[in-house]
PDB file of N, CA and C in Angstrom:
ATOM      1  N   MET A   1       3.246  -5.128  -2.223  1.00  0.00           N
ATOM      2  CA  MET A   1       2.732  -5.810  -3.372  1.00  0.00           C
ATOM      3  C   MET A   1       3.783  -6.802  -3.847  1.00  0.00           C
ATOM      4  N   LEU A   2       3.369  -8.037  -4.021  1.00  0.00           N
ATOM      5  CA  LEU A   2       4.302  -9.083  -4.427  1.00  0.00           C
ATOM      6  C   LEU A   2       4.180  -9.439  -5.905  1.00  0.00           C
ATOM      7  N   ALA A   3       3.018  -9.214  -6.488  1.00  0.00           N
ATOM      8  CA  ALA A   3       2.794  -9.526  -7.898  1.00  0.00           C
ATOM      9  C   ALA A   3       1.894  -8.459  -8.494  1.00  0.00           C
ATOM     10  N   GLN A   4       1.959  -8.318  -9.809  1.00  0.00           N
ATOM     11  CA  GLN A   4       1.158  -7.289 -10.466  1.00  0.00           C
ATOM     12  C   GLN A   4       0.645  -7.827 -11.791  1.00  0.00           C
ATOM     13  N   ASN A   5      -0.654  -7.615 -12.045  1.00  0.00           N
ATOM     14  CA  ASN A   5      -1.237  -7.990 -13.325  1.00  0.00           C
ATOM     15  C   ASN A   5      -1.745  -6.726 -14.014  1.00  0.00           C
ATOM     16  N   ASP A   6      -2.394  -6.878 -15.167  1.00  0.00           N
ATOM     17  CA  ASP A   6      -2.852  -5.720 -15.939  1.00  0.00           C
ATOM     18  C   ASP A   6      -3.841  -4.851 -15.160  1.00  0.00           C
ATOM     19  N   LEU A   7      -4.739  -5.480 -14.401  1.00  0.00           N
ATOM     20  CA  LEU A   7      -5.710  -4.710 -13.628  1.00  0.00           C
ATOM     21  C   LEU A   7      -5.015  -3.892 -12.545  1.00  0.00           C
ATOM     22  N   ALA A   8      -4.071  -4.489 -11.837  1.00  0.00           N
ATOM     23  CA  ALA A   8      -3.327  -3.753 -10.809  1.00  0.00           C
ATOM     24  C   ALA A   8      -2.559  -2.592 -11.430  1.00  0.00           C
ATOM     25  N   THR A   9      -1.990  -2.808 -12.600  1.00  0.00           N
ATOM     26  CA  THR A   9      -1.266  -1.741 -13.284  1.00  0.00           C
ATOM     27  C   THR A   9      -2.207  -0.601 -13.638  1.00  0.00           C
ATOM     28  N   ALA A  10      -3.404  -0.936 -14.108  1.00  0.00           N
ATOM     29  CA  ALA A  10      -4.376   0.097 -14.469  1.00  0.00           C
ATOM     30  C   ALA A  10      -4.818   0.906 -13.258  1.00  0.00           C
ATOM     31  N   ILE A  11      -4.941   0.258 -12.120  1.00  0.00           N
ATOM     32  CA  ILE A  11      -5.431   0.938 -10.914  1.00  0.00           C
ATOM     33  C   ILE A  11      -4.303   1.637 -10.153  1.00  0.00           C
ATOM     34  N   LEU A  12      -3.182   0.960 -10.001  1.00  0.00           N
ATOM     35  CA  LEU A  12      -2.114   1.449  -9.133  1.00  0.00           C
ATOM     36  C   LEU A  12      -0.900   2.000  -9.868  1.00  0.00           C
ATOM     37  N   GLY A  13      -0.873   1.875 -11.178  1.00  0.00           N
ATOM     38  CA  GLY A  13       0.285   2.311 -11.941  1.00  0.00           C
ATOM     39  C   GLY A  13       1.282   1.177 -12.083  1.00  0.00           C
ATOM     40  N   ASN A  14       2.254   1.362 -12.937  1.00  0.00           N
ATOM     41  CA  ASN A  14       3.271   0.339 -13.156  1.00  0.00           C
ATOM     42  C   ASN A  14       4.330   0.455 -12.064  1.00  0.00           C
ATOM     43  N   LEU A  15       4.379  -0.536 -11.214  1.00  0.00           N
ATOM     44  CA  LEU A  15       5.294  -0.506 -10.072  1.00  0.00           C
ATOM     45  C   LEU A  15       6.518  -1.386 -10.272  1.00  0.00           C
ATOM     46  N   SER A  16       6.750  -1.830 -11.501  1.00  0.00           N
ATOM     47  CA  SER A  16       7.868  -2.744 -11.744  1.00  0.00           C
ATOM     48  C   SER A  16       9.217  -2.100 -11.432  1.00  0.00           C
ATOM     49  N   ALA A  17       9.340  -0.796 -11.603  1.00  0.00           N
ATOM     50  CA  ALA A  17      10.614  -0.119 -11.321  1.00  0.00           C
ATOM     51  C   ALA A  17      10.650   0.483  -9.914  1.00  0.00           C
ATOM     52  N   ALA A  18       9.567   0.339  -9.155  1.00  0.00           N
ATOM     53  CA  ALA A  18       9.490   0.914  -7.811  1.00  0.00           C
ATOM     54  C   ALA A  18      10.322   0.089  -6.829  1.00  0.00           C
ATOM     55  N   THR A  19      10.792   0.753  -5.800  1.00  0.00           N
ATOM     56  CA  THR A  19      11.527   0.059  -4.743  1.00  0.00           C
ATOM     57  C   THR A  19      10.535  -0.751  -3.902  1.00  0.00           C
ATOM     58  N   PRO A  20      10.997  -1.706  -3.110  1.00  0.00           N
ATOM     59  CA  PRO A  20      10.081  -2.453  -2.251  1.00  0.00           C
ATOM     60  C   PRO A  20       9.249  -1.542  -1.340  1.00  0.00           C
ATOM     61  N   ALA A  21       9.838  -0.502  -0.800  1.00  0.00           N
ATOM     62  CA  ALA A  21       9.092   0.425   0.055  1.00  0.00           C
ATOM     63  C   ALA A  21       8.005   1.148  -0.731  1.00  0.00           C
ATOM     64  N   GLU A  22       8.274   1.481  -1.981  1.00  0.00           N
ATOM     65  CA  GLU A  22       7.289   2.176  -2.808  1.00  0.00           C
ATOM     66  C   GLU A  22       6.157   1.246  -3.236  1.00  0.00           C
ATOM     67  N   ARG A  23       6.397  -0.067  -3.236  1.00  0.00           N
ATOM     68  CA  ARG A  23       5.347  -1.026  -3.594  1.00  0.00           C
ATOM     69  C   ARG A  23       4.454  -1.361  -2.406  1.00  0.00           C
ATOM     70  N   ASN A  24       4.809  -0.911  -1.217  1.00  0.00           N
ATOM     71  CA  ASN A  24       4.035  -1.180  -0.013  1.00  0.00           C
ATOM     72  C   ASN A  24       2.768  -0.331  -0.044  1.00  0.00           C
ATOM     73  N   LEU A  25       1.601  -0.989  -0.180  1.00  0.00           N
ATOM     74  CA  LEU A  25       0.338  -0.252  -0.327  1.00  0.00           C
ATOM     75  C   LEU A  25      -0.009   0.563   0.910  1.00  0.00           C
ATOM     76  N   ALA A  26       0.305   0.066   2.084  1.00  0.00           N
ATOM     77  CA  ALA A  26       0.014   0.831   3.300  1.00  0.00           C
ATOM     78  C   ALA A  26       0.865   2.096   3.334  1.00  0.00           C
ATOM     79  N   ARG A  27       2.112   1.967   2.988  1.00  0.00           N
ATOM     80  CA  ARG A  27       3.010   3.129   2.956  1.00  0.00           C
ATOM     81  C   ARG A  27       2.512   4.163   1.945  1.00  0.00           C
ATOM     82  N   ARG A  28       2.074   3.681   0.796  1.00  0.00           N
ATOM     83  CA  ARG A  28       1.588   4.586  -0.240  1.00  0.00           C
ATOM     84  C   ARG A  28       0.278   5.257   0.159  1.00  0.00           C
ATOM     85  N   ALA A  29      -0.524   4.578   0.972  1.00  0.00           N
ATOM     86  CA  ALA A  29      -1.807   5.149   1.390  1.00  0.00           C
ATOM     87  C   ALA A  29      -1.625   6.335   2.324  1.00  0.00           C
ATOM     88  N   PHE A  30      -0.568   6.293   3.130  1.00  0.00           N
ATOM     89  CA  PHE A  30      -0.371   7.349   4.118  1.00  0.00           C
ATOM     90  C   PHE A  30       0.762   8.302   3.781  1.00  0.00           C
ATOM     91  N   LEU A  31       1.493   8.016   2.731  1.00  0.00           N
ATOM     92  CA  LEU A  31       2.565   8.900   2.264  1.00  0.00           C
ATOM     93  C   LEU A  31       2.307   9.238   0.798  1.00  0.00           C
ATOM     94  N   PRO A  32       1.429  10.207   0.539  1.00  0.00           N
ATOM     95  CA  PRO A  32       1.048  10.525  -0.835  1.00  0.00           C
ATOM     96  C   PRO A  32       2.219  10.850  -1.753  1.00  0.00           C
ATOM     97  N   GLU A  33       3.330  11.349  -1.195  1.00  0.00           N
ATOM     98  CA  GLU A  33       4.482  11.646  -2.051  1.00  0.00           C
ATOM     99  C   GLU A  33       5.052  10.371  -2.673  1.00  0.00           C
ATOM    100  N   VAL A  34       4.901   9.227  -1.997  1.00  0.00           N
ATOM    101  CA  VAL A  34       5.347   7.950  -2.563  1.00  0.00           C
ATOM    102  C   VAL A  34       4.435   7.566  -3.720  1.00  0.00           C
ATOM    103  N   ALA A  35       3.131   7.704  -3.522  1.00  0.00           N
ATOM    104  CA  ALA A  35       2.179   7.391  -4.591  1.00  0.00           C
ATOM    105  C   ALA A  35       2.395   8.302  -5.786  1.00  0.00           C
ATOM    106  N   HIS A  36       2.627   9.562  -5.539  1.00  0.00           N
ATOM    107  CA  HIS A  36       2.844  10.513  -6.631  1.00  0.00           C
ATOM    108  C   HIS A  36       4.117  10.170  -7.403  1.00  0.00           C
ATOM    109  N   ARG A  37       5.166   9.823  -6.689  1.00  0.00           N
ATOM    110  CA  ARG A  37       6.442   9.506  -7.322  1.00  0.00           C
ATOM    111  C   ARG A  37       6.342   8.260  -8.204  1.00  0.00           C
ATOM    112  N   THR A  38       5.477   7.312  -7.841  1.00  0.00           N
ATOM    113  CA  THR A  38       5.337   6.088  -8.620  1.00  0.00           C
ATOM    114  C   THR A  38       4.198   6.188  -9.626  1.00  0.00           C
ATOM    115  N   GLY A  39       3.512   7.328  -9.670  1.00  0.00           N
ATOM    116  CA  GLY A  39       2.419   7.506 -10.624  1.00  0.00           C
ATOM    117  C   GLY A  39       1.177   6.717 -10.270  1.00  0.00           C
ATOM    118  N   ALA A  40       0.962   6.455  -8.994  1.00  0.00           N
ATOM    119  CA  ALA A  40      -0.163   5.629  -8.568  1.00  0.00           C
ATOM    120  C   ALA A  40      -1.001   6.338  -7.511  1.00  0.00           C
ATOM    121  N   GLU A  41      -1.418   7.530  -7.810  1.00  0.00           N
ATOM    122  CA  GLU A  41      -2.249   8.271  -6.871  1.00  0.00           C
ATOM    123  C   GLU A  41      -3.677   7.717  -6.912  1.00  0.00           C
ATOM    124  N   VAL A  42      -4.336   7.694  -5.781  1.00  0.00           N
ATOM    125  CA  VAL A  42      -5.703   7.196  -5.664  1.00  0.00           C
ATOM    126  C   VAL A  42      -6.629   8.388  -5.490  1.00  0.00           C
ATOM    127  N   ALA A  43      -7.725   8.399  -6.247  1.00  0.00           N
ATOM    128  CA  ALA A  43      -8.637   9.538  -6.222  1.00  0.00           C
ATOM    129  C   ALA A  43      -9.259   9.739  -4.844  1.00  0.00           C
ATOM    130  N   ASP A  44      -9.744   8.681  -4.215  1.00  0.00           N
ATOM    131  CA  ASP A  44     -10.376   8.791  -2.908  1.00  0.00           C
ATOM    132  C   ASP A  44      -9.492   8.095  -1.875  1.00  0.00           C
ATOM    133  N   MET A  45      -8.525   8.822  -1.373  1.00  0.00           N
ATOM    134  CA  MET A  45      -7.544   8.255  -0.455  1.00  0.00           C
ATOM    135  C   MET A  45      -8.200   7.777   0.841  1.00  0.00           C
ATOM    136  N   THR A  46      -9.265   8.424   1.293  1.00  0.00           N
ATOM    137  CA  THR A  46      -9.942   8.004   2.523  1.00  0.00           C
ATOM    138  C   THR A  46     -10.480   6.590   2.367  1.00  0.00           C
ATOM    139  N   GLU A  47     -11.144   6.314   1.260  1.00  0.00           N
ATOM    140  CA  GLU A  47     -11.683   4.974   1.024  1.00  0.00           C
ATOM    141  C   GLU A  47     -10.562   3.945   0.874  1.00  0.00           C
ATOM    142  N   PHE A  48      -9.450   4.335   0.334  1.00  0.00           N
ATOM    143  CA  PHE A  48      -8.312   3.446   0.155  1.00  0.00           C
ATOM    144  C   PHE A  48      -7.677   3.095   1.495  1.00  0.00           C
ATOM    145  N   ARG A  49      -7.699   4.031   2.429  1.00  0.00           N
ATOM    146  CA  ARG A  49      -7.049   3.824   3.733  1.00  0.00           C
ATOM    147  C   ARG A  49      -7.846   2.925   4.671  1.00  0.00           C
ATOM    148  N   HIS A  50      -9.161   2.926   4.578  1.00  0.00           N
ATOM    149  CA  HIS A  50     -10.000   2.170   5.515  1.00  0.00           C
ATOM    150  C   HIS A  50      -9.624   0.691   5.605  1.00  0.00           C
ATOM    151  N   PRO A  51      -9.522  -0.043   4.490  1.00  0.00           N
ATOM    152  CA  PRO A  51      -9.169  -1.461   4.619  1.00  0.00           C
ATOM    153  C   PRO A  51      -7.736  -1.670   5.103  1.00  0.00           C
ATOM    154  N   ILE A  52      -6.871  -0.725   4.852  1.00  0.00           N
ATOM    155  CA  ILE A  52      -5.494  -0.858   5.334  1.00  0.00           C
ATOM    156  C   ILE A  52      -5.459  -0.744   6.848  1.00  0.00           C
ATOM    157  N   ILE A  53      -6.199   0.198   7.392  1.00  0.00           N
ATOM    158  CA  ILE A  53      -6.271   0.354   8.848  1.00  0.00           C
ATOM    159  C   ILE A  53      -6.937  -0.865   9.467  1.00  0.00           C
ATOM    160  N   ALA A  54      -8.017  -1.336   8.864  1.00  0.00           N
ATOM    161  CA  ALA A  54      -8.721  -2.504   9.398  1.00  0.00           C
ATOM    162  C   ALA A  54      -7.815  -3.729   9.389  1.00  0.00           C
ATOM    163  N   GLY A  55      -7.110  -3.945   8.298  1.00  0.00           N
ATOM    164  CA  GLY A  55      -6.214  -5.099   8.209  1.00  0.00           C
ATOM    165  C   GLY A  55      -5.065  -5.009   9.191  1.00  0.00           C
ATOM    166  N   SER A  56      -4.519  -3.804   9.354  1.00  0.00           N
ATOM    167  CA  SER A  56      -3.425  -3.611  10.303  1.00  0.00           C
ATOM    168  C   SER A  56      -3.891  -3.837  11.733  1.00  0.00           C
ATOM    169  N   SER A  57      -5.082  -3.350  12.040  1.00  0.00           N
ATOM    170  CA  SER A  57      -5.630  -3.540  13.388  1.00  0.00           C
ATOM    171  C   SER A  57      -5.885  -5.016  13.667  1.00  0.00           C
ATOM    172  N   THR A  58      -6.438  -5.710  12.701  1.00  0.00           N
ATOM    173  CA  THR A  58      -6.707  -7.141  12.850  1.00  0.00           C
ATOM    174  C   THR A  58      -5.412  -7.914  13.060  1.00  0.00           C
ATOM    175  N   ALA A  59      -4.396  -7.601  12.265  1.00  0.00           N
ATOM    176  CA  ALA A  59      -3.120  -8.297  12.388  1.00  0.00           C
ATOM    177  C   ALA A  59      -2.470  -8.026  13.737  1.00  0.00           C
ATOM    178  N   THR A  60      -2.584  -6.805  14.228  1.00  0.00           N
ATOM    179  CA  THR A  60      -1.991  -6.446  15.517  1.00  0.00           C
ATOM    180  C   THR A  60      -2.651  -7.218  16.655  1.00  0.00           C
ATOM    181  N   VAL A  61      -3.971  -7.366  16.598  1.00  0.00           N
ATOM    182  CA  VAL A  61      -4.687  -8.109  17.630  1.00  0.00           C
ATOM    183  C   VAL A  61      -4.378  -9.600  17.523  1.00  0.00           C
ATOM    184  N   ARG A  62      -4.331 -10.095  16.308  1.00  0.00           N
ATOM    185  CA  ARG A  62      -4.116 -11.519  16.084  1.00  0.00           C
ATOM    186  C   ARG A  62      -2.687 -11.962  16.411  1.00  0.00           C
ATOM    187  N   TYR A  63      -1.716 -11.096  16.117  1.00  0.00           N
ATOM    188  CA  TYR A  63      -0.303 -11.427  16.311  1.00  0.00           C
ATOM    189  C   TYR A  63       0.369 -10.348  17.161  1.00  0.00           C
ATOM    190  N   PRO A  64      -0.008 -10.236  18.429  1.00  0.00           N
ATOM    191  CA  PRO A  64       0.483  -9.119  19.248  1.00  0.00           C
ATOM    192  C   PRO A  64       1.987  -9.127  19.532  1.00  0.00           C
ATOM    193  N   THR A  65       2.627 -10.266  19.432  1.00  0.00           N
ATOM    194  CA  THR A  65       4.061 -10.309  19.738  1.00  0.00           C
ATOM    195  C   THR A  65       4.951 -10.220  18.517  1.00  0.00           C
ATOM    196  N   THR A  66       4.355 -10.163  17.332  1.00  0.00           N
ATOM    197  CA  THR A  66       5.148 -10.056  16.108  1.00  0.00           C
ATOM    198  C   THR A  66       5.645  -8.617  15.956  1.00  0.00           C
ATOM    199  N   PRO A  67       6.945  -8.443  15.804  1.00  0.00           N
ATOM    200  CA  PRO A  67       7.458  -7.072  15.660  1.00  0.00           C
ATOM    201  C   PRO A  67       7.028  -6.459  14.325  1.00  0.00           C
ATOM    202  N   LEU A  68       6.832  -5.171  14.327  1.00  0.00           N
ATOM    203  CA  LEU A  68       6.464  -4.463  13.109  1.00  0.00           C
ATOM    204  C   LEU A  68       7.678  -4.314  12.229  1.00  0.00           C
ATOM    205  N   PRO A  69       7.483  -4.333  10.897  1.00  0.00           N
ATOM    206  CA  PRO A  69       8.624  -4.132  10.003  1.00  0.00           C
ATOM    207  C   PRO A  69       9.124  -2.700  10.097  1.00  0.00           C
ATOM    208  N   HIS A  70      10.374  -2.509   9.775  1.00  0.00           N
ATOM    209  CA  HIS A  70      10.969  -1.162   9.832  1.00  0.00           C
ATOM    210  C   HIS A  70      10.748  -0.442   8.551  1.00  0.00           C
TER     211      HIS A  70
END
């Protein structure tokens, strides 16, 4: 997450004090302890994960030689 407005804060919690890794929505979707630590747990994690997987798959196909971030 690069920017946050009032709606994002209401949905995802206040991430202003979170580390860059904790602001990563994909990381938070698959590591619930990160979401819990930042106060941004999602009620239906399955529905939250679907677009993240789809976007990651699309990016991998579109940019196959781009290295993944660590």
